[in-house]
């Protein structure tokens, strides 16, 4: 500790933000856009099929095993709901991306940045795993050379 350390700004601990409410709002708006264009609904009303899927998605988001550190749902490795519902959910999320950008530009940009962050984190994880595998293979080759040299 130096004598000047008391004059330096204190480091704040990393703050984990709860992005679940923002993501829920984004998903609700996307479902509204999708249902209005594909099923002819209007206002805040959704068709029964979209309402059931939205209710399932919201319930499962509350029970997500990741908690508040969860990635965005359309980039998650292990979706919380069944295969058919996941496929329908991803179809809705993909088909509304252009309309969402026109109606809610800031929300869609923030969502895109979050998805890019998840993709980057996955890339870093995969790179780390690949480096470990390469290091193990290299160590195994070196051990094999040492064994041949001893014989």
Protein backbone atom coordinates (compact mmCIF):
# COMPACT_ATOMS: atom_id res chain seq x y z
CA UNK A 1 0.00 0.00 0.00
CA UNK A 2 1.40 3.34 -0.99
CA UNK A 3 0.84 6.63 0.72
CA UNK A 4 -1.20 7.84 -2.25
CA UNK A 5 -3.65 4.94 -2.25
CA UNK A 6 -6.11 6.81 -0.12
CA UNK A 7 -6.40 9.46 -2.85
CA UNK A 8 -7.15 6.98 -5.62
CA UNK A 9 -10.77 6.19 -6.40
CA UNK A 10 -12.13 3.09 -4.74
CA UNK A 11 -12.84 0.12 -7.00
CA UNK A 12 -16.49 -0.79 -7.11
CA UNK A 13 -17.42 -4.47 -7.08
CA UNK A 14 -18.80 -5.88 -10.30
CA UNK A 15 -22.52 -5.32 -10.36
CA UNK A 16 -24.74 -8.05 -11.81
CA UNK A 17 -27.75 -6.52 -13.51
CA UNK A 18 -31.11 -8.22 -13.62
CA UNK A 19 -32.03 -8.03 -17.31
CA UNK A 20 -35.02 -10.35 -17.04
CA UNK A 21 -37.67 -7.55 -16.92
CA UNK A 22 -36.19 -5.92 -20.03
CA UNK A 23 -36.08 -9.22 -21.86
CA UNK A 24 -39.68 -9.99 -20.88
CA UNK A 25 -40.80 -6.63 -22.27
CA UNK A 26 -38.89 -7.30 -25.50
CA UNK A 27 -40.46 -10.74 -25.87
CA UNK A 28 -43.97 -9.39 -25.19
CA UNK A 29 -43.55 -6.73 -27.88
CA UNK A 30 -42.19 -9.27 -30.36
CA UNK A 31 -45.12 -11.60 -29.72
CA UNK A 32 -47.52 -8.69 -30.24
CA UNK A 33 -45.91 -7.75 -33.55
CA UNK A 34 -45.90 -11.36 -34.73
CA UNK A 35 -49.48 -12.11 -33.71
CA UNK A 36 -50.83 -8.86 -35.20
CA UNK A 37 -49.21 -9.55 -38.56
CA UNK A 38 -49.80 -13.32 -38.80
CA UNK A 39 -53.06 -13.86 -36.92
CA UNK A 40 -54.85 -10.54 -37.49
CA UNK A 41 -55.19 -9.47 -33.87
CA UNK A 42 -55.10 -5.84 -32.75
CA UNK A 43 -54.35 -3.80 -29.66
CA UNK A 44 -52.91 -5.68 -26.69
CA UNK A 45 -54.82 -8.85 -27.59
CA UNK A 46 -53.05 -11.99 -28.78
CA UNK A 47 -54.54 -15.12 -30.30
CA UNK A 48 -54.98 -18.11 -27.94
CA UNK A 49 -51.99 -19.97 -29.42
CA UNK A 50 -49.63 -17.00 -28.99
CA UNK A 51 -51.04 -16.28 -25.53
CA UNK A 52 -50.35 -19.86 -24.41
CA UNK A 53 -46.81 -19.83 -25.79
CA UNK A 54 -46.09 -16.41 -24.24
CA UNK A 55 -47.40 -17.61 -20.86
CA UNK A 56 -45.15 -20.67 -21.08
CA UNK A 57 -42.12 -18.57 -21.99
CA UNK A 58 -42.72 -16.10 -19.15
CA UNK A 59 -43.24 -18.87 -16.60
CA UNK A 60 -40.12 -20.70 -17.69
CA UNK A 61 -38.07 -17.48 -17.63
CA UNK A 62 -38.97 -17.06 -13.97
CA UNK A 63 -37.75 -20.59 -13.29
CA UNK A 64 -34.57 -20.33 -15.38
CA UNK A 65 -31.69 -22.29 -13.82
CA UNK A 66 -29.28 -19.44 -14.62
CA UNK A 67 -31.19 -16.96 -12.44
CA UNK A 68 -30.48 -13.29 -13.11
CA UNK A 69 -27.23 -14.16 -14.89
CA UNK A 70 -29.18 -15.89 -17.66
CA UNK A 71 -28.32 -15.27 -21.31
CA UNK A 72 -31.02 -14.03 -23.65
CA UNK A 73 -33.49 -16.81 -24.38
CA UNK A 74 -32.97 -17.05 -28.13
CA UNK A 75 -29.22 -17.67 -27.60
CA UNK A 76 -29.51 -20.04 -24.63
CA UNK A 77 -27.82 -23.44 -24.90
CA UNK A 78 -30.47 -25.26 -22.91
CA UNK A 79 -33.93 -23.87 -23.52
CA UNK A 80 -36.34 -24.17 -20.63
CA UNK A 81 -39.26 -25.46 -22.68
CA UNK A 82 -39.88 -28.37 -25.06
CA UNK A 83 -38.48 -28.78 -28.56
CA UNK A 84 -41.69 -27.80 -30.38
CA UNK A 85 -42.26 -24.72 -28.23
CA UNK A 86 -38.61 -23.72 -28.58
CA UNK A 87 -38.89 -23.98 -32.35
CA UNK A 88 -42.04 -21.81 -32.38
CA UNK A 89 -40.41 -19.29 -30.03
CA UNK A 90 -37.30 -19.02 -32.20
CA UNK A 91 -39.47 -18.64 -35.31
CA UNK A 92 -41.30 -15.72 -33.70
CA UNK A 93 -38.08 -14.10 -32.49
CA UNK A 94 -36.44 -14.42 -35.93
CA UNK A 95 -39.42 -13.28 -37.99
CA UNK A 96 -40.01 -10.11 -35.95
CA UNK A 97 -36.44 -8.79 -35.93
CA UNK A 98 -36.93 -6.41 -38.90
CA UNK A 99 -40.30 -5.09 -37.73
CA UNK A 100 -38.96 -4.71 -34.21
CA UNK A 101 -36.14 -2.55 -35.53
CA UNK A 102 -38.65 -0.24 -37.19
CA UNK A 103 -41.05 0.00 -34.24
CA UNK A 104 -38.64 -0.15 -31.28
CA UNK A 105 -35.16 0.68 -32.61
CA UNK A 106 -33.39 1.19 -29.28
CA UNK A 107 -34.78 -2.01 -27.80
CA UNK A 108 -33.78 -4.03 -30.85
CA UNK A 109 -30.26 -2.54 -30.88
CA UNK A 110 -29.81 -3.37 -27.19
CA UNK A 111 -31.09 -6.90 -27.83
CA UNK A 112 -28.68 -7.31 -30.76
CA UNK A 113 -25.76 -6.11 -28.63
CA UNK A 114 -26.72 -8.56 -25.89
CA UNK A 115 -26.88 -11.42 -28.39
CA UNK A 116 -23.48 -10.43 -29.76
CA UNK A 117 -22.14 -10.49 -26.19
CA UNK A 118 -23.50 -14.01 -25.69
CA UNK A 119 -21.98 -15.12 -29.01
CA UNK A 120 -18.62 -13.64 -28.01
CA UNK A 121 -18.72 -15.35 -24.61
CA UNK A 122 -19.47 -18.69 -26.30
CA UNK A 123 -16.60 -18.08 -28.72
CA UNK A 124 -14.23 -17.39 -25.82
CA UNK A 125 -15.39 -20.54 -24.01
CA UNK A 126 -14.86 -22.66 -27.11
CA UNK A 127 -11.44 -21.10 -27.69
CA UNK A 128 -10.45 -21.91 -24.10
CA UNK A 129 -11.58 -25.52 -24.51
CA UNK A 130 -9.72 -25.85 -27.80
CA UNK A 131 -6.55 -24.48 -26.19
CA UNK A 132 -6.84 -27.04 -23.37
CA UNK A 133 -7.29 -29.88 -25.85
CA UNK A 134 -4.29 -28.73 -27.89
CA UNK A 135 -2.16 -28.44 -24.74
CA UNK A 136 -3.12 -32.00 -23.69
CA UNK A 137 -2.30 -33.35 -27.17
CA UNK A 138 1.05 -31.56 -27.16
CA UNK A 139 1.89 -32.91 -23.70
CA UNK A 140 0.94 -36.43 -24.80
CA UNK A 141 3.21 -36.17 -27.87
CA UNK A 142 6.10 -34.94 -25.71
CA UNK A 143 5.63 -37.84 -23.29
CA UNK A 144 5.59 -40.26 -26.20
CA UNK A 145 8.86 -38.80 -27.51
CA UNK A 146 10.44 -39.09 -24.06
CA UNK A 147 9.41 -42.73 -23.83
CA UNK A 148 10.94 -43.47 -27.25
CA UNK A 149 14.12 -41.66 -26.25
CA UNK A 150 14.50 -43.75 -23.10
CA UNK A 151 14.23 -47.04 -24.98
